[in-house]
N, C-alpha and C. Protein backbone atom coordinates (compact mmCIF):
# COMPACT_ATOMS: atom_id res chain seq x y z
N MET A 1 -15.14 21.12 2.51
CA MET A 1 -15.61 19.82 2.08
C MET A 1 -16.65 19.98 0.98
N VAL A 2 -17.50 20.97 1.12
CA VAL A 2 -18.54 21.19 0.13
C VAL A 2 -17.92 21.53 -1.22
N ARG A 3 -16.89 22.33 -1.23
CA ARG A 3 -16.23 22.68 -2.49
C ARG A 3 -15.61 21.44 -3.14
N PHE A 4 -15.08 20.55 -2.33
CA PHE A 4 -14.54 19.30 -2.88
C PHE A 4 -15.67 18.46 -3.45
N ILE A 5 -16.76 18.35 -2.73
CA ILE A 5 -17.89 17.54 -3.20
C ILE A 5 -18.34 18.02 -4.57
N ASP A 6 -18.30 19.32 -4.80
CA ASP A 6 -18.67 19.87 -6.11
C ASP A 6 -17.77 19.38 -7.23
N THR A 7 -16.59 18.86 -6.91
CA THR A 7 -15.66 18.36 -7.93
C THR A 7 -15.79 16.86 -8.17
N VAL A 8 -16.59 16.18 -7.37
CA VAL A 8 -16.74 14.73 -7.51
C VAL A 8 -17.60 14.43 -8.73
N ALA A 9 -17.04 13.66 -9.67
CA ALA A 9 -17.70 13.42 -10.96
C ALA A 9 -18.81 12.37 -10.89
N VAL A 10 -18.76 11.47 -9.93
CA VAL A 10 -19.75 10.40 -9.84
C VAL A 10 -20.90 10.88 -8.94
N PRO A 11 -22.09 11.08 -9.52
CA PRO A 11 -23.21 11.65 -8.75
C PRO A 11 -23.55 10.90 -7.46
N ASP A 12 -23.52 9.57 -7.48
CA ASP A 12 -23.83 8.80 -6.28
C ASP A 12 -22.83 9.09 -5.16
N ARG A 13 -21.57 9.20 -5.50
CA ARG A 13 -20.54 9.51 -4.51
C ARG A 13 -20.76 10.91 -3.95
N ALA A 14 -21.03 11.85 -4.82
CA ALA A 14 -21.28 13.22 -4.38
C ALA A 14 -22.48 13.27 -3.43
N ASP A 15 -23.53 12.53 -3.76
CA ASP A 15 -24.72 12.49 -2.89
C ASP A 15 -24.39 11.92 -1.52
N ARG A 16 -23.63 10.83 -1.49
CA ARG A 16 -23.26 10.22 -0.20
C ARG A 16 -22.41 11.17 0.64
N LEU A 17 -21.51 11.88 -0.01
CA LEU A 17 -20.66 12.83 0.70
C LEU A 17 -21.47 14.02 1.21
N THR A 18 -22.43 14.47 0.42
CA THR A 18 -23.29 15.58 0.85
C THR A 18 -24.06 15.20 2.10
N ILE A 19 -24.57 13.98 2.15
CA ILE A 19 -25.28 13.50 3.34
C ILE A 19 -24.32 13.42 4.53
N ALA A 20 -23.10 12.97 4.27
CA ALA A 20 -22.11 12.78 5.36
C ALA A 20 -21.74 14.09 6.04
N VAL A 21 -21.77 15.21 5.33
CA VAL A 21 -21.31 16.47 5.92
C VAL A 21 -22.40 17.24 6.65
N ASP A 22 -23.53 16.63 6.85
CA ASP A 22 -24.64 17.30 7.53
C ASP A 22 -24.59 17.02 9.03
N GLY A 23 -24.46 18.06 9.83
CA GLY A 23 -24.54 17.93 11.28
C GLY A 23 -23.21 17.68 11.97
N ARG A 24 -23.33 17.38 13.28
CA ARG A 24 -22.14 17.11 14.10
C ARG A 24 -21.40 15.88 13.60
N GLY A 25 -20.09 15.92 13.72
CA GLY A 25 -19.26 14.79 13.30
C GLY A 25 -19.09 14.71 11.80
N ALA A 26 -19.37 15.82 11.12
CA ALA A 26 -19.36 15.82 9.66
C ALA A 26 -17.99 15.44 9.09
N PHE A 27 -16.92 15.96 9.66
CA PHE A 27 -15.60 15.69 9.10
C PHE A 27 -15.26 14.22 9.19
N ARG A 28 -15.55 13.61 10.31
CA ARG A 28 -15.26 12.18 10.49
C ARG A 28 -16.08 11.34 9.51
N ARG A 29 -17.37 11.65 9.40
CA ARG A 29 -18.22 10.90 8.46
C ARG A 29 -17.74 11.10 7.03
N PHE A 30 -17.39 12.34 6.70
CA PHE A 30 -16.89 12.65 5.36
C PHE A 30 -15.69 11.77 5.02
N LYS A 31 -14.72 11.72 5.93
CA LYS A 31 -13.53 10.91 5.68
C LYS A 31 -13.85 9.41 5.68
N ASP A 32 -14.77 8.97 6.52
CA ASP A 32 -15.16 7.56 6.51
C ASP A 32 -15.79 7.17 5.18
N VAL A 33 -16.64 8.03 4.64
CA VAL A 33 -17.27 7.76 3.35
C VAL A 33 -16.21 7.80 2.25
N LEU A 34 -15.34 8.80 2.29
CA LEU A 34 -14.28 8.90 1.28
C LEU A 34 -13.37 7.68 1.28
N ALA A 35 -13.16 7.08 2.43
CA ALA A 35 -12.27 5.92 2.54
C ALA A 35 -12.76 4.75 1.69
N ARG A 36 -14.03 4.75 1.30
CA ARG A 36 -14.56 3.69 0.43
C ARG A 36 -13.96 3.75 -0.97
N TRP A 37 -13.47 4.92 -1.34
CA TRP A 37 -12.92 5.14 -2.67
C TRP A 37 -11.53 5.74 -2.52
N PRO A 38 -10.49 4.91 -2.47
CA PRO A 38 -9.13 5.40 -2.22
C PRO A 38 -8.70 6.52 -3.16
N GLY A 39 -9.10 6.46 -4.42
CA GLY A 39 -8.73 7.52 -5.36
C GLY A 39 -9.32 8.86 -4.96
N GLU A 40 -10.57 8.85 -4.51
CA GLU A 40 -11.22 10.09 -4.06
C GLU A 40 -10.58 10.60 -2.78
N LEU A 41 -10.21 9.69 -1.89
CA LEU A 41 -9.57 10.09 -0.63
C LEU A 41 -8.24 10.80 -0.93
N GLU A 42 -7.47 10.23 -1.84
CA GLU A 42 -6.19 10.85 -2.23
C GLU A 42 -6.44 12.21 -2.87
N ARG A 43 -7.47 12.29 -3.71
CA ARG A 43 -7.82 13.56 -4.34
C ARG A 43 -8.21 14.59 -3.30
N TRP A 44 -8.92 14.14 -2.24
CA TRP A 44 -9.30 15.04 -1.15
C TRP A 44 -8.06 15.63 -0.48
N TYR A 45 -7.08 14.76 -0.18
CA TYR A 45 -5.87 15.24 0.48
C TYR A 45 -5.14 16.26 -0.40
N GLU A 46 -5.06 16.00 -1.69
CA GLU A 46 -4.42 16.94 -2.60
C GLU A 46 -5.21 18.26 -2.65
N PHE A 47 -6.52 18.18 -2.75
CA PHE A 47 -7.39 19.35 -2.79
C PHE A 47 -7.23 20.17 -1.51
N SER A 48 -7.29 19.50 -0.38
CA SER A 48 -7.18 20.17 0.91
C SER A 48 -5.81 20.83 1.08
N ASN A 49 -4.76 20.11 0.72
CA ASN A 49 -3.41 20.67 0.84
C ASN A 49 -3.23 21.89 -0.04
N GLU A 50 -3.75 21.85 -1.25
CA GLU A 50 -3.62 23.00 -2.15
C GLU A 50 -4.38 24.20 -1.62
N ARG A 51 -5.56 23.99 -1.06
CA ARG A 51 -6.32 25.09 -0.48
C ARG A 51 -5.58 25.69 0.71
N GLN A 52 -4.96 24.83 1.53
CA GLN A 52 -4.17 25.34 2.66
C GLN A 52 -2.99 26.17 2.18
N ARG A 53 -2.31 25.69 1.14
CA ARG A 53 -1.20 26.46 0.58
C ARG A 53 -1.69 27.80 0.05
N GLY A 54 -2.84 27.80 -0.61
CA GLY A 54 -3.41 29.04 -1.13
C GLY A 54 -3.73 30.03 -0.02
N ARG A 55 -4.32 29.55 1.07
CA ARG A 55 -4.63 30.43 2.20
C ARG A 55 -3.35 30.97 2.82
N THR A 56 -2.33 30.13 2.90
CA THR A 56 -1.05 30.56 3.45
C THR A 56 -0.42 31.64 2.58
N ARG A 57 -0.44 31.42 1.26
CA ARG A 57 0.11 32.43 0.34
C ARG A 57 -0.65 33.75 0.47
N ALA A 58 -1.96 33.67 0.56
CA ALA A 58 -2.78 34.89 0.69
C ALA A 58 -2.44 35.62 1.98
N TRP A 59 -2.30 34.88 3.08
CA TRP A 59 -1.95 35.50 4.36
C TRP A 59 -0.58 36.18 4.27
N LEU A 60 0.39 35.45 3.71
CA LEU A 60 1.73 36.03 3.56
C LEU A 60 1.70 37.29 2.72
N ALA A 61 0.97 37.27 1.62
CA ALA A 61 0.87 38.46 0.77
C ALA A 61 0.20 39.60 1.53
N GLY A 62 -0.79 39.26 2.35
CA GLY A 62 -1.50 40.27 3.11
C GLY A 62 -0.64 40.98 4.14
N VAL A 63 0.41 40.31 4.60
CA VAL A 63 1.30 40.94 5.58
C VAL A 63 2.60 41.41 4.94
N GLY A 64 2.60 41.41 3.60
CA GLY A 64 3.73 42.00 2.89
C GLY A 64 4.80 41.08 2.36
N TYR A 65 4.64 39.81 2.53
CA TYR A 65 5.65 38.87 2.00
C TYR A 65 5.28 38.46 0.58
N ARG A 66 6.29 38.19 -0.21
CA ARG A 66 6.09 37.71 -1.57
C ARG A 66 6.78 36.36 -1.69
N VAL A 67 6.08 35.38 -2.20
CA VAL A 67 6.65 34.05 -2.36
C VAL A 67 7.43 34.01 -3.66
N ARG A 68 8.69 33.61 -3.58
CA ARG A 68 9.52 33.47 -4.78
C ARG A 68 9.47 32.02 -5.23
N HIS A 69 9.52 31.83 -6.52
CA HIS A 69 9.49 30.47 -7.08
C HIS A 69 10.87 30.01 -7.46
């Protein structure tokens, strides 16, 4: 979440998200705050999905698989 916040161009939004991720329940608060800005929420899902794909590719490469395009 912190890496995503670093990509948010509007400083006020980034500040609100930074506050949201502090402490217990951070993920829920983060998504609740993001829901105020549908474009940012969609960007979060794309960002998160791409990071998951990257981790999956890295894991596969680490165990000897190569992803073909």
